[in-house]
N, C-alpha and C. Protein backbone atom coordinates (compact mmCIF):
# COMPACT_ATOMS: atom_id res chain seq x y z
N MET A 1 95.61 128.92 106.75
CA MET A 1 94.33 128.78 106.10
C MET A 1 93.33 129.62 106.86
N LEU A 2 92.48 130.33 106.17
CA LEU A 2 91.45 131.15 106.79
C LEU A 2 90.19 130.33 106.95
N ARG A 3 89.52 130.49 108.05
CA ARG A 3 88.25 129.82 108.29
C ARG A 3 87.22 130.90 108.54
N ILE A 4 86.14 130.89 107.77
CA ILE A 4 85.10 131.89 107.90
C ILE A 4 84.12 131.43 108.98
N VAL A 5 83.82 132.29 109.91
CA VAL A 5 82.97 131.94 111.04
C VAL A 5 81.82 132.94 111.13
N SER A 6 80.61 132.45 111.29
CA SER A 6 79.44 133.32 111.42
C SER A 6 79.33 133.84 112.84
N THR A 7 78.77 135.01 112.97
CA THR A 7 78.48 135.56 114.30
C THR A 7 76.99 135.56 114.56
N LEU A 8 76.27 134.66 113.91
CA LEU A 8 74.82 134.57 114.02
C LEU A 8 74.18 135.90 113.67
N GLY A 9 74.54 136.40 112.52
CA GLY A 9 74.06 137.70 112.06
C GLY A 9 72.57 137.74 111.84
N ARG A 10 72.07 138.92 111.54
CA ARG A 10 70.65 139.13 111.41
C ARG A 10 70.16 139.01 109.97
N VAL A 11 71.04 138.89 109.02
CA VAL A 11 70.65 138.86 107.61
C VAL A 11 70.49 137.41 107.18
N PRO A 12 69.47 137.07 106.38
CA PRO A 12 69.29 135.68 105.95
C PRO A 12 70.51 135.17 105.19
N LEU A 13 70.71 133.87 105.27
CA LEU A 13 71.84 133.27 104.55
C LEU A 13 71.78 133.61 103.08
N SER A 14 72.90 133.95 102.54
CA SER A 14 72.95 134.20 101.10
C SER A 14 72.96 132.87 100.37
N ALA A 15 72.64 132.89 99.10
CA ALA A 15 72.67 131.67 98.31
C ALA A 15 74.07 131.08 98.33
N MET A 16 75.08 131.94 98.40
CA MET A 16 76.46 131.48 98.42
C MET A 16 76.74 130.64 99.66
N ALA A 17 76.23 131.07 100.80
CA ALA A 17 76.51 130.38 102.05
C ALA A 17 75.78 129.05 102.15
N ARG A 18 74.69 128.88 101.39
CA ARG A 18 73.91 127.65 101.49
C ARG A 18 74.39 126.57 100.56
N ARG A 19 75.10 126.91 99.51
CA ARG A 19 75.47 125.86 98.57
C ARG A 19 76.73 125.15 99.02
N PRO A 20 76.87 123.86 98.67
CA PRO A 20 78.04 123.11 99.11
C PRO A 20 79.31 123.61 98.41
N LEU A 21 80.42 123.46 99.11
CA LEU A 21 81.69 123.86 98.52
C LEU A 21 82.17 122.79 97.56
N ARG A 22 82.81 123.24 96.48
CA ARG A 22 83.37 122.31 95.50
C ARG A 22 84.82 122.03 95.84
N ALA A 23 85.28 120.85 95.49
CA ALA A 23 86.68 120.53 95.72
C ALA A 23 87.54 121.27 94.71
N ALA A 24 88.72 121.65 95.13
CA ALA A 24 89.63 122.35 94.22
C ALA A 24 90.21 121.36 93.22
N SER A 25 90.35 121.80 92.00
CA SER A 25 90.87 120.90 90.98
C SER A 25 92.39 120.94 90.93
N THR A 26 93.00 122.12 91.02
CA THR A 26 94.44 122.19 90.91
C THR A 26 95.09 122.89 92.08
N ALA A 27 94.36 123.74 92.78
CA ALA A 27 94.95 124.50 93.88
C ALA A 27 95.12 123.62 95.10
N THR A 28 96.18 123.88 95.85
CA THR A 28 96.40 123.18 97.11
C THR A 28 96.20 124.18 98.24
N ASP A 29 96.05 123.65 99.46
CA ASP A 29 95.89 124.54 100.61
C ASP A 29 97.09 125.46 100.77
N ALA A 30 98.28 124.99 100.36
CA ALA A 30 99.48 125.83 100.45
C ALA A 30 99.38 127.03 99.52
N ASP A 31 98.64 126.89 98.40
CA ASP A 31 98.47 127.98 97.44
C ASP A 31 97.38 128.95 97.88
N ALA A 32 96.58 128.56 98.87
CA ALA A 32 95.40 129.33 99.25
C ALA A 32 95.78 130.63 99.94
N ARG A 33 95.44 131.74 99.28
CA ARG A 33 95.63 133.05 99.89
C ARG A 33 94.87 134.07 99.05
N PRO A 34 94.43 135.14 99.70
CA PRO A 34 93.74 136.20 98.95
C PRO A 34 94.68 136.78 97.91
N LYS A 35 94.11 137.16 96.74
CA LYS A 35 94.92 137.66 95.64
C LYS A 35 95.18 139.17 95.72
N ASP A 36 94.22 139.92 96.27
CA ASP A 36 94.36 141.38 96.27
C ASP A 36 93.56 141.98 97.43
N GLN A 37 93.52 143.30 97.48
CA GLN A 37 92.85 143.99 98.57
C GLN A 37 91.34 143.71 98.58
N LEU A 38 90.72 143.57 97.42
CA LEU A 38 89.30 143.27 97.37
C LEU A 38 89.02 141.92 98.03
N ASP A 39 89.85 140.92 97.75
CA ASP A 39 89.71 139.62 98.41
C ASP A 39 89.83 139.77 99.92
N ARG A 40 90.84 140.51 100.36
CA ARG A 40 91.06 140.68 101.81
C ARG A 40 89.88 141.40 102.46
N ASP A 41 89.35 142.43 101.78
CA ASP A 41 88.20 143.16 102.32
C ASP A 41 86.96 142.27 102.38
N LEU A 42 86.75 141.47 101.34
CA LEU A 42 85.61 140.54 101.29
C LEU A 42 85.72 139.53 102.44
N ILE A 43 86.89 138.97 102.64
CA ILE A 43 87.10 138.00 103.72
C ILE A 43 86.86 138.65 105.08
N ALA A 44 87.33 139.86 105.26
CA ALA A 44 87.13 140.56 106.54
C ALA A 44 85.64 140.76 106.82
N LEU A 45 84.88 141.14 105.79
CA LEU A 45 83.44 141.32 105.97
C LEU A 45 82.76 140.00 106.33
N LEU A 46 83.17 138.92 105.68
CA LEU A 46 82.58 137.61 105.98
C LEU A 46 82.97 137.12 107.36
N GLN A 47 84.19 137.45 107.80
CA GLN A 47 84.58 137.05 109.15
C GLN A 47 83.76 137.79 110.19
N ALA A 48 83.36 139.00 109.89
CA ALA A 48 82.51 139.76 110.81
C ALA A 48 81.08 139.23 110.78
N ASN A 49 80.60 138.80 109.61
CA ASN A 49 79.24 138.28 109.47
C ASN A 49 79.16 137.40 108.23
N ALA A 50 79.34 136.11 108.40
CA ALA A 50 79.34 135.17 107.28
C ALA A 50 77.95 135.01 106.67
N ARG A 51 76.93 135.54 107.32
CA ARG A 51 75.56 135.44 106.80
C ARG A 51 75.17 136.64 105.96
N GLU A 52 76.05 137.58 105.80
CA GLU A 52 75.75 138.80 105.04
C GLU A 52 75.39 138.43 103.60
N SER A 53 74.39 139.09 103.05
CA SER A 53 73.97 138.80 101.67
C SER A 53 75.01 139.31 100.70
N THR A 54 75.07 138.69 99.54
CA THR A 54 76.03 139.13 98.52
C THR A 54 75.72 140.55 98.05
N ALA A 55 74.45 140.92 98.03
CA ALA A 55 74.08 142.29 97.63
C ALA A 55 74.65 143.31 98.61
N ASN A 56 74.53 143.04 99.91
CA ASN A 56 75.09 143.95 100.91
C ASN A 56 76.61 143.97 100.86
N LEU A 57 77.22 142.82 100.64
CA LEU A 57 78.68 142.77 100.50
C LEU A 57 79.12 143.64 99.33
N ALA A 58 78.42 143.50 98.20
CA ALA A 58 78.76 144.28 97.00
C ALA A 58 78.62 145.78 97.26
N ARG A 59 77.53 146.17 97.92
CA ARG A 59 77.32 147.59 98.24
C ARG A 59 78.44 148.12 99.12
N THR A 60 78.79 147.38 100.14
CA THR A 60 79.84 147.81 101.08
C THR A 60 81.19 147.92 100.38
N LEU A 61 81.46 146.99 99.47
CA LEU A 61 82.75 146.99 98.77
C LEU A 61 82.77 147.92 97.56
N GLY A 62 81.60 148.38 97.12
CA GLY A 62 81.53 149.26 95.97
C GLY A 62 81.77 148.56 94.65
N VAL A 63 81.34 147.29 94.57
CA VAL A 63 81.49 146.51 93.34
C VAL A 63 80.15 145.87 92.98
N ALA A 64 80.09 145.26 91.82
CA ALA A 64 78.87 144.59 91.38
C ALA A 64 78.66 143.29 92.16
N ARG A 65 77.41 142.91 92.32
CA ARG A 65 77.07 141.65 93.00
C ARG A 65 77.71 140.46 92.29
N THR A 66 77.73 140.49 90.97
CA THR A 66 78.36 139.39 90.21
C THR A 66 79.85 139.30 90.50
N THR A 67 80.50 140.42 90.78
CA THR A 67 81.91 140.41 91.15
C THR A 67 82.10 139.68 92.48
N VAL A 68 81.23 139.97 93.43
CA VAL A 68 81.30 139.29 94.74
C VAL A 68 81.07 137.79 94.56
N LEU A 69 80.07 137.42 93.76
CA LEU A 69 79.81 135.99 93.53
C LEU A 69 81.01 135.30 92.89
N ALA A 70 81.62 135.95 91.91
CA ALA A 70 82.78 135.36 91.23
C ALA A 70 83.95 135.23 92.20
N ARG A 71 84.16 136.26 93.02
CA ARG A 71 85.26 136.21 94.00
C ARG A 71 85.03 135.10 95.02
N LEU A 72 83.81 134.99 95.52
CA LEU A 72 83.50 133.93 96.48
C LEU A 72 83.72 132.55 95.88
N ALA A 73 83.26 132.38 94.64
CA ALA A 73 83.44 131.08 93.97
C ALA A 73 84.92 130.75 93.84
N ARG A 74 85.74 131.74 93.44
CA ARG A 74 87.18 131.49 93.30
C ARG A 74 87.82 131.21 94.65
N LEU A 75 87.48 132.00 95.67
CA LEU A 75 88.06 131.80 97.01
C LEU A 75 87.69 130.42 97.58
N GLU A 76 86.49 129.95 97.29
CA GLU A 76 86.10 128.60 97.71
C GLU A 76 86.86 127.55 96.91
N ARG A 77 86.92 127.73 95.60
CA ARG A 77 87.60 126.77 94.73
C ARG A 77 89.07 126.63 95.10
N GLU A 78 89.70 127.74 95.48
CA GLU A 78 91.11 127.74 95.83
C GLU A 78 91.36 127.43 97.31
N HIS A 79 90.29 127.11 98.03
CA HIS A 79 90.36 126.73 99.45
C HIS A 79 90.86 127.85 100.35
N VAL A 80 90.66 129.09 99.94
CA VAL A 80 90.90 130.20 100.85
C VAL A 80 89.74 130.24 101.84
N ILE A 81 88.52 130.10 101.35
CA ILE A 81 87.34 129.94 102.18
C ILE A 81 87.00 128.46 102.15
N VAL A 82 87.00 127.83 103.33
CA VAL A 82 86.77 126.39 103.39
C VAL A 82 85.41 126.04 103.97
N GLY A 83 84.62 127.04 104.37
CA GLY A 83 83.29 126.74 104.86
C GLY A 83 82.68 127.92 105.57
N TYR A 84 81.41 127.79 105.86
CA TYR A 84 80.64 128.79 106.58
C TYR A 84 80.07 128.07 107.79
N THR A 85 80.18 128.67 108.96
CA THR A 85 79.78 127.97 110.17
C THR A 85 79.15 128.93 111.17
N VAL A 86 78.81 128.41 112.31
CA VAL A 86 78.18 129.19 113.37
C VAL A 86 79.15 129.26 114.54
N ARG A 87 79.24 130.42 115.13
CA ARG A 87 80.02 130.60 116.35
C ARG A 87 79.01 130.84 117.47
N LEU A 88 79.05 130.00 118.48
CA LEU A 88 78.08 130.08 119.56
C LEU A 88 78.37 131.25 120.48
N GLY A 89 77.31 131.81 121.05
CA GLY A 89 77.44 132.90 122.01
C GLY A 89 78.15 132.44 123.27
N GLN A 90 78.73 133.38 123.99
CA GLN A 90 79.51 133.06 125.19
C GLN A 90 78.69 132.26 126.20
N GLY A 91 77.40 132.59 126.36
CA GLY A 91 76.56 131.88 127.32
C GLY A 91 76.43 130.40 127.00
N VAL A 92 76.30 130.08 125.72
CA VAL A 92 76.20 128.67 125.30
C VAL A 92 77.55 127.98 125.48
N ALA A 93 78.61 128.64 125.05
CA ALA A 93 79.94 128.05 125.14
C ALA A 93 80.35 127.81 126.60
N GLU A 94 79.92 128.70 127.50
CA GLU A 94 80.28 128.56 128.91
C GLU A 94 79.64 127.33 129.55
N ARG A 95 78.52 126.88 129.01
CA ARG A 95 77.85 125.70 129.58
C ARG A 95 78.56 124.41 129.20
N ALA A 96 79.41 124.45 128.18
CA ALA A 96 80.15 123.27 127.78
C ALA A 96 81.46 123.18 128.56
N VAL A 97 81.95 121.96 128.72
CA VAL A 97 83.24 121.74 129.38
C VAL A 97 84.29 121.66 128.28
N GLN A 98 85.24 122.59 128.32
CA GLN A 98 86.30 122.65 127.32
C GLN A 98 87.57 122.03 127.91
N ALA A 99 88.33 121.33 127.07
CA ALA A 99 89.59 120.76 127.53
C ALA A 99 90.58 120.69 126.38
N HIS A 100 91.84 120.78 126.72
CA HIS A 100 92.93 120.58 125.78
C HIS A 100 93.63 119.30 126.20
N VAL A 101 93.83 118.40 125.24
CA VAL A 101 94.40 117.10 125.56
C VAL A 101 95.67 116.91 124.74
N GLY A 102 96.79 116.77 125.44
CA GLY A 102 98.05 116.42 124.79
C GLY A 102 98.06 114.92 124.56
N ILE A 103 98.35 114.50 123.32
CA ILE A 103 98.29 113.08 122.97
C ILE A 103 99.64 112.65 122.42
N THR A 104 100.23 111.62 123.03
CA THR A 104 101.46 111.02 122.54
C THR A 104 101.08 109.74 121.81
N VAL A 105 101.62 109.58 120.61
CA VAL A 105 101.24 108.47 119.73
C VAL A 105 102.46 107.59 119.45
N ALA A 106 102.25 106.28 119.37
CA ALA A 106 103.31 105.34 119.01
C ALA A 106 103.78 105.62 117.58
N ALA A 107 105.02 105.28 117.31
CA ALA A 107 105.58 105.47 115.98
C ALA A 107 104.71 104.79 114.93
N LYS A 108 104.46 105.47 113.83
CA LYS A 108 103.69 104.99 112.68
C LYS A 108 102.21 104.76 112.97
N ALA A 109 101.70 105.24 114.10
CA ALA A 109 100.29 105.07 114.42
C ALA A 109 99.50 106.35 114.20
N GLY A 110 100.18 107.42 113.82
CA GLY A 110 99.55 108.73 113.70
C GLY A 110 98.35 108.77 112.80
N ARG A 111 98.44 108.14 111.63
CA ARG A 111 97.34 108.18 110.67
C ARG A 111 96.09 107.50 111.22
N ASP A 112 96.26 106.35 111.87
CA ASP A 112 95.11 105.63 112.43
C ASP A 112 94.49 106.41 113.60
N VAL A 113 95.34 106.99 114.44
CA VAL A 113 94.84 107.78 115.57
C VAL A 113 94.09 108.99 115.04
N LEU A 114 94.64 109.65 114.05
CA LEU A 114 93.98 110.82 113.45
C LEU A 114 92.61 110.45 112.90
N ARG A 115 92.51 109.34 112.22
CA ARG A 115 91.23 108.89 111.66
C ARG A 115 90.20 108.65 112.76
N ARG A 116 90.61 108.02 113.85
CA ARG A 116 89.67 107.75 114.96
C ARG A 116 89.26 109.03 115.68
N LEU A 117 90.21 109.93 115.91
CA LEU A 117 89.89 111.19 116.57
C LEU A 117 88.94 112.03 115.73
N SER A 118 89.12 112.01 114.43
CA SER A 118 88.29 112.81 113.52
C SER A 118 86.82 112.43 113.58
N ARG A 119 86.51 111.24 114.01
CA ARG A 119 85.13 110.78 114.10
C ARG A 119 84.40 111.29 115.34
N MET A 120 85.12 111.90 116.27
CA MET A 120 84.50 112.37 117.52
C MET A 120 83.89 113.75 117.29
N PRO A 121 82.57 113.87 117.42
CA PRO A 121 81.93 115.18 117.19
C PRO A 121 82.35 116.24 118.21
N GLU A 122 82.81 115.84 119.37
CA GLU A 122 83.22 116.79 120.40
C GLU A 122 84.61 117.36 120.14
N LEU A 123 85.33 116.81 119.18
CA LEU A 123 86.65 117.31 118.82
C LEU A 123 86.47 118.59 118.02
N ARG A 124 86.94 119.72 118.56
CA ARG A 124 86.79 121.01 117.89
C ARG A 124 87.98 121.31 117.00
N GLN A 125 89.18 121.03 117.49
CA GLN A 125 90.39 121.24 116.70
C GLN A 125 91.41 120.20 117.11
N LEU A 126 92.27 119.84 116.16
CA LEU A 126 93.36 118.92 116.46
C LEU A 126 94.61 119.50 115.83
N TYR A 127 95.62 119.73 116.67
CA TYR A 127 96.87 120.31 116.21
C TYR A 127 97.96 119.24 116.23
N SER A 128 98.75 119.20 115.19
CA SER A 128 99.99 118.43 115.19
C SER A 128 101.05 119.38 115.71
N VAL A 129 101.74 119.01 116.78
CA VAL A 129 102.64 119.94 117.45
C VAL A 129 104.02 119.33 117.65
N SER A 130 104.98 120.21 117.91
CA SER A 130 106.31 119.76 118.29
C SER A 130 106.37 119.76 119.82
N GLY A 131 107.33 119.07 120.36
CA GLY A 131 107.48 119.06 121.81
C GLY A 131 107.08 117.74 122.44
N GLU A 132 106.57 117.82 123.64
CA GLU A 132 106.27 116.63 124.44
C GLU A 132 105.20 115.73 123.80
N PHE A 133 104.22 116.34 123.11
CA PHE A 133 103.11 115.58 122.54
C PHE A 133 103.21 115.57 121.02
N ASP A 134 102.49 114.63 120.41
CA ASP A 134 102.38 114.59 118.95
C ASP A 134 101.20 115.43 118.48
N TYR A 135 100.11 115.40 119.26
CA TYR A 135 98.90 116.15 118.95
C TYR A 135 98.40 116.87 120.19
N VAL A 136 97.69 117.97 119.97
CA VAL A 136 96.91 118.61 121.03
C VAL A 136 95.49 118.71 120.49
N ALA A 137 94.55 118.10 121.22
CA ALA A 137 93.14 118.11 120.82
C ALA A 137 92.39 119.11 121.67
N GLN A 138 91.50 119.86 121.04
CA GLN A 138 90.60 120.75 121.77
C GLN A 138 89.24 120.08 121.76
N LEU A 139 88.72 119.77 122.95
CA LEU A 139 87.44 119.08 123.09
C LEU A 139 86.42 120.00 123.73
N SER A 140 85.15 119.78 123.38
CA SER A 140 84.05 120.49 124.00
C SER A 140 82.95 119.47 124.28
N ALA A 141 82.70 119.22 125.56
CA ALA A 141 81.71 118.22 125.96
C ALA A 141 80.60 118.88 126.76
N GLU A 142 79.41 118.26 126.76
CA GLU A 142 78.27 118.86 127.46
C GLU A 142 78.35 118.70 128.98
N SER A 143 79.23 117.82 129.46
CA SER A 143 79.34 117.62 130.90
C SER A 143 80.71 117.02 131.22
N THR A 144 81.05 117.05 132.51
CA THR A 144 82.31 116.42 132.91
C THR A 144 82.24 114.91 132.72
N ALA A 145 81.06 114.34 132.88
CA ALA A 145 80.91 112.89 132.67
C ALA A 145 81.20 112.54 131.21
N ARG A 146 80.69 113.36 130.27
CA ARG A 146 80.96 113.10 128.85
C ARG A 146 82.44 113.31 128.54
N LEU A 147 83.06 114.33 129.13
CA LEU A 147 84.49 114.55 128.93
C LEU A 147 85.28 113.35 129.42
N ASP A 148 84.91 112.83 130.58
CA ASP A 148 85.58 111.64 131.13
C ASP A 148 85.47 110.46 130.16
N ALA A 149 84.27 110.26 129.60
CA ALA A 149 84.07 109.17 128.64
C ALA A 149 84.92 109.39 127.38
N LEU A 150 85.00 110.63 126.90
CA LEU A 150 85.82 110.94 125.73
C LEU A 150 87.30 110.64 125.99
N LEU A 151 87.77 111.03 127.18
CA LEU A 151 89.17 110.77 127.51
C LEU A 151 89.45 109.27 127.57
N ASP A 152 88.49 108.50 128.07
CA ASP A 152 88.63 107.04 128.07
C ASP A 152 88.69 106.52 126.64
N GLU A 153 87.82 107.04 125.76
CA GLU A 153 87.82 106.62 124.35
C GLU A 153 89.16 106.92 123.69
N ILE A 154 89.68 108.11 123.94
CA ILE A 154 90.97 108.49 123.34
C ILE A 154 92.07 107.58 123.85
N GLY A 155 92.08 107.32 125.15
CA GLY A 155 93.10 106.45 125.74
C GLY A 155 93.06 105.03 125.23
N GLU A 156 91.88 104.56 124.79
CA GLU A 156 91.73 103.20 124.29
C GLU A 156 92.06 103.04 122.81
N ILE A 157 92.32 104.14 122.10
CA ILE A 157 92.65 104.05 120.68
C ILE A 157 94.01 103.38 120.54
N ASP A 158 94.07 102.36 119.67
CA ASP A 158 95.34 101.68 119.40
C ASP A 158 96.35 102.70 118.88
N GLY A 159 97.50 102.75 119.51
CA GLY A 159 98.54 103.68 119.10
C GLY A 159 98.68 104.88 120.01
N VAL A 160 97.67 105.15 120.84
CA VAL A 160 97.79 106.25 121.81
C VAL A 160 98.59 105.72 123.00
N VAL A 161 99.73 106.37 123.27
CA VAL A 161 100.61 105.95 124.34
C VAL A 161 100.27 106.66 125.64
N LYS A 162 99.96 107.97 125.56
CA LYS A 162 99.73 108.75 126.76
C LYS A 162 98.88 109.97 126.42
N THR A 163 98.06 110.39 127.38
CA THR A 163 97.32 111.65 127.24
C THR A 163 97.52 112.47 128.51
N THR A 164 97.51 113.78 128.32
CA THR A 164 97.56 114.72 129.44
C THR A 164 96.50 115.77 129.19
N THR A 165 95.59 115.95 130.13
CA THR A 165 94.43 116.81 129.93
C THR A 165 94.48 118.04 130.81
N SER A 166 94.14 119.18 130.20
CA SER A 166 93.95 120.44 130.95
C SER A 166 92.54 120.91 130.66
N VAL A 167 91.73 121.03 131.71
CA VAL A 167 90.36 121.51 131.58
C VAL A 167 90.39 123.03 131.62
N VAL A 168 89.67 123.66 130.70
CA VAL A 168 89.62 125.12 130.62
C VAL A 168 88.69 125.64 131.71
N LEU A 169 89.20 126.52 132.58
CA LEU A 169 88.40 127.10 133.64
C LEU A 169 87.72 128.38 133.19
N ALA A 170 88.41 129.20 132.37
CA ALA A 170 87.85 130.46 131.89
C ALA A 170 88.62 130.87 130.64
N VAL A 171 87.92 131.54 129.73
CA VAL A 171 88.56 132.10 128.54
C VAL A 171 88.85 133.56 128.85
N ARG A 172 90.11 133.94 128.85
CA ARG A 172 90.51 135.30 129.20
C ARG A 172 90.59 136.21 127.97
N VAL A 173 91.03 135.65 126.83
CA VAL A 173 91.10 136.40 125.58
C VAL A 173 90.63 135.47 124.47
N ASP A 174 89.74 135.96 123.61
CA ASP A 174 89.25 135.17 122.49
C ASP A 174 89.27 136.05 121.25
N ARG A 175 90.21 135.81 120.36
CA ARG A 175 90.35 136.62 119.16
C ARG A 175 89.94 135.86 117.91
N LYS A 176 89.23 134.77 118.07
CA LYS A 176 88.74 134.03 116.91
C LYS A 176 87.68 134.85 116.23
N ALA A 177 87.84 135.05 114.93
CA ALA A 177 86.89 135.77 114.08
C ALA A 177 86.14 136.81 114.84
């Protein structure tokens, strides 16, 4: 699944980026993929700057603005584009404490644990993985004290058997959007 991320561009939000996304009626996330080169080019431009206006996108792609609007609507409807967001600058991200937490869950407790973890605003990503853990959570907390409290909260969730935490010391390569 592709996730569109803003780079805090200089162009005002387009009307497309401000309106809420609609739920797909028949498409599933497994069906979600760009249909042709124009879709791929549009997605690449949005990944570089999700705040780009539809008029500028149309000019860059050499198509009509209405074509861009129609493509965006379809890509949203089909869950190829699932949202527009902000990516924080390195200076802001460096002030946060990042951690990856391996979580082992009791049999048949996965759904309840997932529901509780999803409510934590500091949870950036949650992966279902093979191997030693059932999940790997990526957390971002404003301090080590908050991270400690989050780890206590996770450990107290019914169904969590074990956690193993690795605190991120430095990001060496970042290829996200």
